[in-house]
Amino acid sequence: MLIGLNAALGIVGIGLWRRAPGLAVLYVLVVAPAVTAMYVSFDRQRHSDSLGRVGELIDGVLSVLARTFAILCLLVLAIFSALFLFCSFALLSIVVRH
């Protein structure tokens, strides 16, 4: 499952790089921490041997994917907030000068 997820993320990244390299860089900055968190979570679950049954395995995978999605959403929100603040201050400084 992780191989398929990585392949899908890689294909999206390659497609973005071909169409808009700037968005591809942003994509990598957003996706890399989320994927890292997902791998750390899977590694902890594997070492704890808490996933014995199939239902628990599916529950663990869905939980990790939900956390990964939440991290991605929060990172995108933080990036757009920073961009908005930067643009606001840039416009404010232009208005104040003139």
N, C-alpha and C. Protein backbone atom coordinates (compact mmCIF):
# COMPACT_ATOMS: atom_id res chain seq x y z
N MET A 1 0.81 -1.18 0.00
CA MET A 1 0.00 0.00 0.00
C MET A 1 0.87 1.26 0.00
N LEU A 2 1.94 1.22 0.77
CA LEU A 2 2.82 2.38 0.80
C LEU A 2 3.51 2.61 -0.54
N ILE A 3 3.80 1.53 -1.23
CA ILE A 3 4.43 1.68 -2.55
C ILE A 3 3.48 2.36 -3.52
N GLY A 4 2.20 1.97 -3.48
CA GLY A 4 1.21 2.61 -4.34
C GLY A 4 1.01 4.07 -4.01
N LEU A 5 1.00 4.39 -2.71
CA LEU A 5 0.84 5.78 -2.30
C LEU A 5 2.04 6.62 -2.74
N ASN A 6 3.24 6.07 -2.57
CA ASN A 6 4.44 6.79 -3.02
C ASN A 6 4.46 6.96 -4.53
N ALA A 7 4.03 5.94 -5.25
CA ALA A 7 3.97 6.04 -6.71
C ALA A 7 2.98 7.12 -7.14
N ALA A 8 1.83 7.16 -6.50
CA ALA A 8 0.82 8.18 -6.83
C ALA A 8 1.34 9.58 -6.53
N LEU A 9 1.99 9.76 -5.37
CA LEU A 9 2.54 11.07 -5.03
C LEU A 9 3.65 11.47 -6.00
N GLY A 10 4.45 10.50 -6.41
CA GLY A 10 5.52 10.77 -7.37
C GLY A 10 4.98 11.16 -8.74
N ILE A 11 3.94 10.48 -9.19
CA ILE A 11 3.34 10.80 -10.49
C ILE A 11 2.74 12.21 -10.47
N VAL A 12 2.06 12.55 -9.37
CA VAL A 12 1.51 13.90 -9.25
C VAL A 12 2.64 14.93 -9.26
N GLY A 13 3.72 14.65 -8.54
CA GLY A 13 4.86 15.56 -8.51
C GLY A 13 5.51 15.74 -9.88
N ILE A 14 5.66 14.68 -10.63
CA ILE A 14 6.23 14.77 -11.97
C ILE A 14 5.32 15.57 -12.89
N GLY A 15 4.01 15.32 -12.79
CA GLY A 15 3.06 16.09 -13.60
C GLY A 15 3.09 17.57 -13.27
N LEU A 16 3.19 17.89 -11.98
CA LEU A 16 3.30 19.29 -11.60
C LEU A 16 4.60 19.91 -12.11
N TRP A 17 5.68 19.14 -12.04
CA TRP A 17 6.97 19.68 -12.50
C TRP A 17 6.94 20.01 -13.98
N ARG A 18 6.23 19.19 -14.75
CA ARG A 18 6.16 19.43 -16.19
C ARG A 18 5.30 20.65 -16.51
N ARG A 19 4.24 20.86 -15.74
CA ARG A 19 3.32 21.96 -16.02
C ARG A 19 3.69 23.26 -15.30
N ALA A 20 4.07 23.16 -14.03
CA ALA A 20 4.36 24.35 -13.23
C ALA A 20 5.43 24.00 -12.20
N PRO A 21 6.70 24.24 -12.54
CA PRO A 21 7.78 23.87 -11.61
C PRO A 21 7.69 24.53 -10.24
N GLY A 22 7.17 25.75 -10.19
CA GLY A 22 7.03 26.42 -8.90
C GLY A 22 6.04 25.71 -8.00
N LEU A 23 4.94 25.25 -8.57
CA LEU A 23 3.97 24.49 -7.78
C LEU A 23 4.53 23.14 -7.36
N ALA A 24 5.41 22.58 -8.18
CA ALA A 24 6.03 21.30 -7.81
C ALA A 24 6.91 21.46 -6.58
N VAL A 25 7.62 22.57 -6.50
CA VAL A 25 8.45 22.82 -5.31
C VAL A 25 7.56 22.98 -4.09
N LEU A 26 6.48 23.72 -4.22
CA LEU A 26 5.53 23.88 -3.12
C LEU A 26 4.93 22.52 -2.74
N TYR A 27 4.62 21.71 -3.72
CA TYR A 27 4.08 20.37 -3.50
C TYR A 27 5.05 19.52 -2.67
N VAL A 28 6.32 19.57 -3.03
CA VAL A 28 7.32 18.80 -2.30
C VAL A 28 7.43 19.31 -0.86
N LEU A 29 7.39 20.63 -0.69
CA LEU A 29 7.48 21.19 0.66
C LEU A 29 6.28 20.81 1.52
N VAL A 30 5.14 20.61 0.90
CA VAL A 30 3.93 20.25 1.64
C VAL A 30 3.86 18.74 1.88
N VAL A 31 4.22 17.95 0.88
CA VAL A 31 4.03 16.50 0.96
C VAL A 31 5.13 15.82 1.78
N ALA A 32 6.35 16.31 1.71
CA ALA A 32 7.47 15.62 2.38
C ALA A 32 7.26 15.46 3.89
N PRO A 33 6.87 16.50 4.62
CA PRO A 33 6.67 16.28 6.06
C PRO A 33 5.51 15.33 6.36
N ALA A 34 4.47 15.38 5.56
CA ALA A 34 3.32 14.50 5.80
C ALA A 34 3.69 13.04 5.54
N VAL A 35 4.44 12.78 4.49
CA VAL A 35 4.86 11.41 4.19
C VAL A 35 5.83 10.92 5.26
N THR A 36 6.71 11.78 5.71
CA THR A 36 7.63 11.41 6.78
C THR A 36 6.87 11.05 8.05
N ALA A 37 5.88 11.83 8.40
CA ALA A 37 5.07 11.53 9.58
C ALA A 37 4.34 10.20 9.41
N MET A 38 3.88 9.92 8.21
CA MET A 38 3.19 8.66 7.96
C MET A 38 4.14 7.48 8.14
N TYR A 39 5.36 7.59 7.62
CA TYR A 39 6.33 6.51 7.78
C TYR A 39 6.71 6.29 9.24
N VAL A 40 6.87 7.37 9.98
CA VAL A 40 7.19 7.25 11.41
C VAL A 40 6.06 6.54 12.14
N SER A 41 4.83 6.89 11.81
CA SER A 41 3.69 6.27 12.45
C SER A 41 3.61 4.78 12.11
N PHE A 42 3.82 4.43 10.85
CA PHE A 42 3.81 3.02 10.46
C PHE A 42 4.92 2.26 11.16
N ASP A 43 6.09 2.88 11.29
CA ASP A 43 7.21 2.22 11.94
C ASP A 43 6.91 1.97 13.41
N ARG A 44 6.29 2.92 14.08
CA ARG A 44 5.93 2.74 15.50
C ARG A 44 4.91 1.62 15.66
N GLN A 45 3.94 1.58 14.75
CA GLN A 45 2.92 0.54 14.84
C GLN A 45 3.52 -0.84 14.57
N ARG A 46 4.46 -0.91 13.67
CA ARG A 46 5.07 -2.19 13.34
C ARG A 46 5.88 -2.72 14.53
N HIS A 47 6.58 -1.83 15.23
CA HIS A 47 7.40 -2.26 16.36
C HIS A 47 6.58 -2.58 17.60
N SER A 48 5.41 -1.98 17.72
CA SER A 48 4.59 -2.24 18.90
C SER A 48 3.78 -3.52 18.78
N ASP A 49 3.68 -4.09 17.58
CA ASP A 49 2.91 -5.31 17.33
C ASP A 49 1.48 -5.19 17.82
N SER A 50 0.91 -3.98 17.75
CA SER A 50 -0.46 -3.79 18.21
C SER A 50 -1.48 -4.15 17.14
N LEU A 51 -1.03 -4.35 15.92
CA LEU A 51 -1.97 -4.66 14.83
C LEU A 51 -1.95 -6.17 14.57
N GLY A 52 -2.80 -6.88 15.26
CA GLY A 52 -2.81 -8.33 15.11
C GLY A 52 -3.86 -8.80 14.12
N ARG A 53 -5.03 -8.21 14.14
CA ARG A 53 -6.11 -8.66 13.27
C ARG A 53 -6.23 -7.75 12.06
N VAL A 54 -6.97 -8.23 11.08
CA VAL A 54 -7.14 -7.47 9.83
C VAL A 54 -7.91 -6.18 10.09
N GLY A 55 -8.91 -6.24 10.93
CA GLY A 55 -9.70 -5.04 11.24
C GLY A 55 -8.85 -3.97 11.90
N GLU A 56 -7.97 -4.38 12.79
CA GLU A 56 -7.08 -3.43 13.44
C GLU A 56 -6.07 -2.86 12.45
N LEU A 57 -5.64 -3.68 11.50
CA LEU A 57 -4.71 -3.21 10.47
C LEU A 57 -5.37 -2.15 9.59
N ILE A 58 -6.60 -2.41 9.17
CA ILE A 58 -7.32 -1.45 8.34
C ILE A 58 -7.58 -0.16 9.13
N ASP A 59 -7.94 -0.32 10.39
CA ASP A 59 -8.16 0.85 11.23
C ASP A 59 -6.87 1.66 11.39
N GLY A 60 -5.76 1.00 11.56
CA GLY A 60 -4.47 1.69 11.69
C GLY A 60 -4.08 2.42 10.42
N VAL A 61 -4.29 1.78 9.27
CA VAL A 61 -3.96 2.40 7.99
C VAL A 61 -4.83 3.63 7.74
N LEU A 62 -6.14 3.51 8.00
CA LEU A 62 -7.04 4.64 7.80
C LEU A 62 -6.71 5.78 8.76
N SER A 63 -6.31 5.43 9.97
CA SER A 63 -5.93 6.46 10.94
C SER A 63 -4.69 7.21 10.48
N VAL A 64 -3.71 6.48 9.98
CA VAL A 64 -2.49 7.13 9.49
C VAL A 64 -2.79 8.00 8.28
N LEU A 65 -3.63 7.53 7.37
CA LEU A 65 -3.97 8.33 6.20
C LEU A 65 -4.76 9.58 6.60
N ALA A 66 -5.63 9.46 7.57
CA ALA A 66 -6.39 10.64 8.03
C ALA A 66 -5.45 11.67 8.67
N ARG A 67 -4.49 11.20 9.48
CA ARG A 67 -3.52 12.13 10.07
C ARG A 67 -2.66 12.78 9.00
N THR A 68 -2.26 12.00 7.99
CA THR A 68 -1.46 12.54 6.90
C THR A 68 -2.24 13.61 6.15
N PHE A 69 -3.52 13.35 5.87
CA PHE A 69 -4.35 14.33 5.19
C PHE A 69 -4.51 15.59 6.03
N ALA A 70 -4.67 15.43 7.33
CA ALA A 70 -4.80 16.60 8.22
C ALA A 70 -3.51 17.42 8.22
N ILE A 71 -2.37 16.76 8.23
CA ILE A 71 -1.09 17.47 8.18
C ILE A 71 -0.97 18.24 6.88
N LEU A 72 -1.34 17.60 5.78
CA LEU A 72 -1.29 18.28 4.48
C LEU A 72 -2.18 19.51 4.46
N CYS A 73 -3.39 19.38 4.97
CA CYS A 73 -4.32 20.52 4.99
C CYS A 73 -3.78 21.66 5.85
N LEU A 74 -3.23 21.33 7.01
CA LEU A 74 -2.68 22.36 7.88
C LEU A 74 -1.47 23.04 7.25
N LEU A 75 -0.63 22.28 6.57
CA LEU A 75 0.53 22.88 5.90
C LEU A 75 0.11 23.80 4.77
N VAL A 76 -0.89 23.39 4.00
CA VAL A 76 -1.38 24.25 2.93
C VAL A 76 -1.98 25.52 3.50
N LEU A 77 -2.74 25.39 4.58
CA LEU A 77 -3.31 26.57 5.23
C LEU A 77 -2.21 27.51 5.74
N ALA A 78 -1.17 26.95 6.31
CA ALA A 78 -0.06 27.77 6.81
C ALA A 78 0.67 28.47 5.67
N ILE A 79 0.86 27.78 4.56
CA ILE A 79 1.55 28.38 3.42
C ILE A 79 0.73 29.53 2.84
N PHE A 80 -0.57 29.31 2.67
CA PHE A 80 -1.39 30.39 2.11
C PHE A 80 -1.53 31.55 3.08
N SER A 81 -1.55 31.26 4.37
CA SER A 81 -1.60 32.35 5.35
C SER A 81 -0.32 33.18 5.28
N ALA A 82 0.82 32.51 5.20
CA ALA A 82 2.09 33.23 5.09
C ALA A 82 2.14 34.04 3.79
N LEU A 83 1.66 33.47 2.70
CA LEU A 83 1.64 34.19 1.42
C LEU A 83 0.73 35.42 1.51
N PHE A 84 -0.43 35.27 2.14
CA PHE A 84 -1.35 36.39 2.29
C PHE A 84 -0.73 37.50 3.13
N LEU A 85 -0.10 37.12 4.23
CA LEU A 85 0.54 38.14 5.07
C LEU A 85 1.68 38.84 4.34
N PHE A 86 2.48 38.09 3.62
CA PHE A 86 3.58 38.68 2.86
C PHE A 86 3.06 39.67 1.83
N CYS A 87 2.06 39.25 1.07
CA CYS A 87 1.50 40.14 0.05
C CYS A 87 0.84 41.36 0.68
N SER A 88 0.17 41.17 1.80
CA SER A 88 -0.47 42.30 2.48
C SER A 88 0.56 43.33 2.92
N PHE A 89 1.64 42.87 3.54
CA PHE A 89 2.68 43.79 3.98
C PHE A 89 3.40 44.43 2.81
N ALA A 90 3.58 43.68 1.72
CA ALA A 90 4.22 44.26 0.54
C ALA A 90 3.35 45.36 -0.05
N LEU A 91 2.05 45.12 -0.18
CA LEU A 91 1.15 46.15 -0.69
C LEU A 91 1.07 47.34 0.25
N LEU A 92 1.06 47.07 1.54
CA LEU A 92 1.01 48.16 2.52
C LEU A 92 2.27 49.02 2.45
N SER A 93 3.41 48.41 2.24
CA SER A 93 4.64 49.20 2.15
C SER A 93 4.67 50.03 0.87
N ILE A 94 4.08 49.52 -0.20
CA ILE A 94 4.02 50.30 -1.45
C ILE A 94 3.09 51.49 -1.27
N VAL A 95 1.96 51.29 -0.61
CA VAL A 95 1.00 52.37 -0.40
C VAL A 95 1.59 53.45 0.52
N VAL A 96 2.31 53.04 1.55
CA VAL A 96 2.88 53.99 2.49
C VAL A 96 3.96 54.84 1.82
N ARG A 97 4.73 54.27 0.93
CA ARG A 97 5.80 55.02 0.24
C ARG A 97 5.25 56.11 -0.66
N HIS A 98 4.12 55.85 -1.27
CA HIS A 98 3.56 56.82 -2.25
C HIS A 98 2.54 57.61 -1.58
